């Protein structure tokens, strides 16, 4: 009972706090200050097939710029067509940005579905497609019902700066691990996979990658609950 009350207190505290986020603490502001330099360096690294350098640059951007910033509020639509706002979600969040034209590893979606079965009570697990409703709906049946599927058709959202920044900065598929107060704890790229890889290998790689981020997120969330507990 006490734990539940503390969790509700955390959500209420996070909801109020999220409304007070300064513009310079937002993801879109922070990423824009460094994106041009990152893209130039990353393009050069990949041009010379220096993939290790490319990964280092991405990891540095996430660690030094993105982590600890706060995700912007923006509007998206459910497969049903109902519009929702990002700040409508109150739990800690595992957000995966995607597109229907991406080719997932054979074990990626099953691994994500397993994660949803295990953690849906503790997290909002969301897959955000950069697609039209028709395109997003065509792949929706592959996902567990405990996963919230959203889509953004950028043709309909030309005026939203946050959406454009989110889509065109870190690529996709990309996983964001976000606290209830909308603070980003970590960002990870999708697992690279060779074609014709074995199902078991793909499943294990993806499941482990998802689980590592979720473990970090839940640990941070539990720390927040403990801090609130100590103040009451």
Protein backbone atom coordinates (compact mmCIF):
# COMPACT_ATOMS: atom_id res chain seq x y z
CA UNK A 1 0.00 0.00 0.00
CA UNK A 2 2.78 2.40 0.98
CA UNK A 3 4.72 1.57 -2.18
CA UNK A 4 1.65 2.27 -4.30
CA UNK A 5 1.13 5.63 -2.59
CA UNK A 6 4.76 6.55 -3.17
CA UNK A 7 4.44 5.60 -6.83
CA UNK A 8 1.34 7.79 -7.19
CA UNK A 9 3.18 10.61 -5.46
CA UNK A 10 6.06 10.19 -7.88
CA UNK A 11 3.71 10.36 -10.85
CA UNK A 12 2.00 13.47 -9.52
CA UNK A 13 5.35 15.08 -8.79
CA UNK A 14 6.62 14.17 -12.26
CA UNK A 15 3.49 15.50 -13.96
CA UNK A 16 3.82 18.86 -12.27
CA UNK A 17 7.54 18.98 -12.88
CA UNK A 18 7.18 18.19 -16.58
CA UNK A 19 5.14 21.37 -17.00
CA UNK A 20 8.04 23.42 -15.68
CA UNK A 21 10.74 22.12 -18.00
CA UNK A 22 12.83 25.00 -19.31
CA UNK A 23 13.21 25.18 -23.12
CA UNK A 24 16.98 24.79 -22.87
CA UNK A 25 16.53 21.50 -20.99
CA UNK A 26 14.51 19.93 -23.82
CA UNK A 27 15.83 17.23 -26.13
CA UNK A 28 15.15 19.29 -29.26
CA UNK A 29 17.13 22.29 -28.00
CA UNK A 30 20.11 20.27 -26.80
CA UNK A 31 20.39 18.08 -29.89
CA UNK A 32 20.20 21.07 -32.24
CA UNK A 33 23.18 22.73 -30.58
CA UNK A 34 25.42 19.80 -31.54
CA UNK A 35 23.74 18.00 -34.42
CA UNK A 36 25.48 19.72 -37.32
CA UNK A 37 28.95 18.98 -35.95
CA UNK A 38 27.98 15.39 -35.14
CA UNK A 39 26.56 14.72 -38.62
CA UNK A 40 29.66 16.13 -40.34
CA UNK A 41 32.01 13.99 -38.27
CA UNK A 42 29.84 10.87 -38.48
CA UNK A 43 29.43 11.17 -42.26
CA UNK A 44 33.19 11.42 -42.62
CA UNK A 45 33.75 8.38 -40.41
CA UNK A 46 31.28 6.23 -42.35
CA UNK A 47 32.63 7.47 -45.68
CA UNK A 48 35.94 5.85 -44.74
CA UNK A 49 34.19 2.79 -43.24
CA UNK A 50 35.40 3.75 -39.78
CA UNK A 51 32.39 2.22 -38.03
CA UNK A 52 34.11 2.21 -34.65
CA UNK A 53 34.57 5.98 -34.91
CA UNK A 54 30.94 6.37 -35.98
CA UNK A 55 29.69 4.43 -32.97
CA UNK A 56 31.96 6.43 -30.68
CA UNK A 57 30.53 9.70 -32.00
CA UNK A 58 26.96 8.48 -31.50
CA UNK A 59 27.67 7.27 -27.98
CA UNK A 60 29.37 10.58 -27.12
CA UNK A 61 26.40 12.57 -28.42
CA UNK A 62 24.01 10.50 -26.33
CA UNK A 63 26.13 10.60 -23.19
CA UNK A 64 27.10 14.27 -23.28
CA UNK A 65 24.10 15.90 -24.97
CA UNK A 66 20.95 13.78 -24.98
CA UNK A 67 21.03 11.99 -21.63
CA UNK A 68 19.50 14.03 -18.80
CA UNK A 69 17.60 16.25 -21.25
CA UNK A 70 13.80 16.09 -21.28
CA UNK A 71 11.75 14.79 -24.16
CA UNK A 72 9.57 17.43 -25.79
CA UNK A 73 5.82 17.14 -25.72
CA UNK A 74 4.34 16.34 -29.13
CA UNK A 75 1.20 14.89 -30.65
CA UNK A 76 0.90 11.49 -32.31
CA UNK A 77 -1.96 9.21 -33.29
CA UNK A 78 -2.92 5.71 -32.27
CA UNK A 79 -3.69 3.16 -34.95
CA UNK A 80 -7.35 3.91 -34.28
CA UNK A 81 -6.70 7.48 -35.39
CA UNK A 82 -7.17 8.98 -31.91
CA UNK A 83 -4.69 11.75 -31.17
CA UNK A 84 -2.63 11.67 -27.97
CA UNK A 85 0.09 13.83 -26.48
CA UNK A 86 3.42 12.46 -25.34
CA UNK A 87 2.93 13.90 -21.87
CA UNK A 88 -0.34 11.95 -21.54
CA UNK A 89 1.77 8.89 -20.66
CA UNK A 90 2.59 8.86 -16.96
CA UNK A 91 4.75 5.79 -16.36
CA UNK A 92 8.44 5.48 -17.11
CA UNK A 93 8.68 4.79 -20.82
CA UNK A 94 10.47 2.56 -23.27
CA UNK A 95 9.99 4.41 -26.57
CA UNK A 96 11.13 2.84 -29.82
CA UNK A 97 11.01 4.94 -32.98
CA UNK A 98 10.56 2.97 -36.15
CA UNK A 99 9.35 2.93 -39.75
CA UNK A 100 7.56 0.22 -41.69
CA UNK A 101 10.27 0.17 -44.37
CA UNK A 102 12.93 -0.84 -41.82
CA UNK A 103 13.77 -4.54 -41.90
CA UNK A 104 13.90 -5.84 -38.31
CA UNK A 105 16.02 -8.78 -37.31
CA UNK A 106 14.02 -12.00 -37.23
CA UNK A 107 13.99 -12.03 -33.41
CA UNK A 108 13.50 -8.31 -32.78
CA UNK A 109 9.72 -8.07 -32.62
CA UNK A 110 9.32 -11.34 -30.64
CA UNK A 111 11.89 -10.02 -28.14
CA UNK A 112 10.01 -6.74 -27.84
CA UNK A 113 6.72 -8.61 -27.38
CA UNK A 114 8.27 -10.67 -24.58
CA UNK A 115 9.51 -7.49 -22.89
CA UNK A 116 5.98 -6.06 -23.11
CA UNK A 117 4.49 -9.16 -21.48
CA UNK A 118 6.96 -8.89 -18.62
CA UNK A 119 7.09 -5.14 -17.95
CA UNK A 120 3.81 -3.59 -19.15
CA UNK A 121 2.62 -2.95 -15.59
CA UNK A 122 5.73 -0.95 -14.75
CA UNK A 123 6.35 0.84 -18.04
CA UNK A 124 4.61 2.43 -20.97
CA UNK A 125 6.05 0.52 -23.91
CA UNK A 126 5.55 2.48 -27.11
CA UNK A 127 6.50 1.96 -30.74
CA UNK A 128 6.32 5.18 -32.73
CA UNK A 129 6.19 4.76 -36.51
CA UNK A 130 7.25 7.51 -38.91
CA UNK A 131 4.53 6.44 -41.31
CA UNK A 132 1.05 7.08 -42.57
CA UNK A 133 -1.80 5.38 -40.74
CA UNK A 134 -2.15 2.82 -43.53
CA UNK A 135 1.54 1.90 -43.42
CA UNK A 136 1.63 1.64 -39.64
CA UNK A 137 -1.55 -0.39 -39.54
CA UNK A 138 -0.12 -2.89 -42.03
CA UNK A 139 2.46 -4.09 -39.48
CA UNK A 140 0.45 -3.54 -36.28
CA UNK A 141 -0.68 -7.16 -35.98
CA UNK A 142 2.91 -8.29 -35.36
CA UNK A 143 3.07 -6.47 -32.03
CA UNK A 144 1.81 -7.52 -28.61
CA UNK A 145 -1.44 -5.85 -27.53
CA UNK A 146 0.34 -4.49 -24.44
CA UNK A 147 2.50 -2.29 -26.68
CA UNK A 148 1.06 1.11 -27.56
CA UNK A 149 1.47 1.70 -31.28
CA UNK A 150 1.60 5.30 -32.45
CA UNK A 151 2.28 6.87 -35.80
CA UNK A 152 3.25 10.30 -37.07
CA UNK A 153 2.71 11.16 -40.69
CA UNK A 154 5.15 14.03 -41.07
CA UNK A 155 3.19 15.35 -44.04
CA UNK A 156 0.49 16.22 -41.51
CA UNK A 157 2.97 17.65 -38.98
CA UNK A 158 5.12 20.09 -40.92
CA UNK A 159 4.79 22.80 -38.28
CA UNK A 160 5.96 20.75 -35.30
CA UNK A 161 9.64 21.42 -34.71
CA UNK A 162 9.98 18.75 -32.00
CA UNK A 163 8.72 16.04 -34.34
CA UNK A 164 11.08 17.03 -37.14
CA UNK A 165 14.04 17.10 -34.74
CA UNK A 166 13.19 13.73 -33.21
CA UNK A 167 12.85 12.05 -36.59
CA UNK A 168 15.88 13.52 -38.33
CA UNK A 169 18.50 13.58 -35.56
CA UNK A 170 19.35 10.07 -34.33
CA UNK A 171 17.85 7.88 -37.04
CA UNK A 172 15.78 4.77 -36.46
CA UNK A 173 15.16 2.26 -35.13
CA UNK A 174 16.23 3.97 -31.91
CA UNK A 175 15.24 3.16 -28.33
CA UNK A 176 14.69 5.90 -25.76
CA UNK A 177 14.49 5.07 -22.05
CA UNK A 178 12.58 7.87 -20.36
CA UNK A 179 11.65 8.50 -16.73
CA UNK A 180 8.11 9.38 -15.66
CA UNK A 181 9.09 13.06 -15.51
CA UNK A 182 10.14 12.80 -19.19
CA UNK A 183 13.89 12.90 -18.50
CA UNK A 184 15.88 10.77 -20.94
CA UNK A 185 18.11 8.24 -19.18
CA UNK A 186 19.60 6.53 -22.21
CA UNK A 187 19.28 6.19 -25.98
CA UNK A 188 20.34 3.14 -27.96
CA UNK A 189 20.37 2.25 -31.62
CA UNK A 190 18.72 -0.89 -32.86
CA UNK A 191 20.80 -4.05 -32.85
CA UNK A 192 22.70 -4.47 -36.10
CA UNK A 193 21.88 -7.78 -37.67
CA UNK A 194 23.24 -9.72 -40.63
CA UNK A 195 20.73 -11.09 -43.09
CA UNK A 196 19.77 -14.75 -42.63
CA UNK A 197 20.88 -14.73 -39.01
CA UNK A 198 19.52 -17.43 -36.73
CA UNK A 199 16.32 -16.63 -34.84
CA UNK A 200 17.77 -17.55 -31.45
CA UNK A 201 20.77 -15.22 -31.91
CA UNK A 202 18.62 -12.32 -33.09
CA UNK A 203 16.14 -12.82 -30.26
CA UNK A 204 18.84 -12.97 -27.59
CA UNK A 205 20.72 -9.92 -28.87
CA UNK A 206 17.59 -7.79 -29.03
CA UNK A 207 16.12 -9.03 -25.75
CA UNK A 208 19.37 -8.35 -23.92
CA UNK A 209 19.64 -4.86 -25.44
CA UNK A 210 16.07 -3.98 -24.45
CA UNK A 211 16.47 -5.47 -20.98
CA UNK A 212 19.69 -3.57 -20.25
CA UNK A 213 18.01 -0.24 -20.99
CA UNK A 214 14.90 -1.14 -19.01
CA UNK A 215 16.96 -2.25 -16.01
CA UNK A 216 18.74 1.11 -16.02
CA UNK A 217 15.41 2.93 -16.27
CA UNK A 218 13.72 1.00 -13.46
CA UNK A 219 16.74 1.45 -11.22
CA UNK A 220 16.60 5.21 -11.77
CA UNK A 221 12.85 5.24 -11.15
CA UNK A 222 13.22 3.27 -7.92
CA UNK A 223 15.86 5.77 -6.79
CA UNK A 224 13.35 8.57 -7.33
CA UNK A 225 10.75 6.71 -5.25
CA UNK A 226 13.29 6.19 -2.46
CA UNK A 227 14.16 9.89 -2.54
CA UNK A 228 10.50 10.86 -2.25
CA UNK A 229 10.07 8.35 0.56
CA UNK A 230 12.90 9.96 2.48
CA UNK A 231 11.25 13.37 2.14
CA UNK A 232 7.96 12.22 3.66
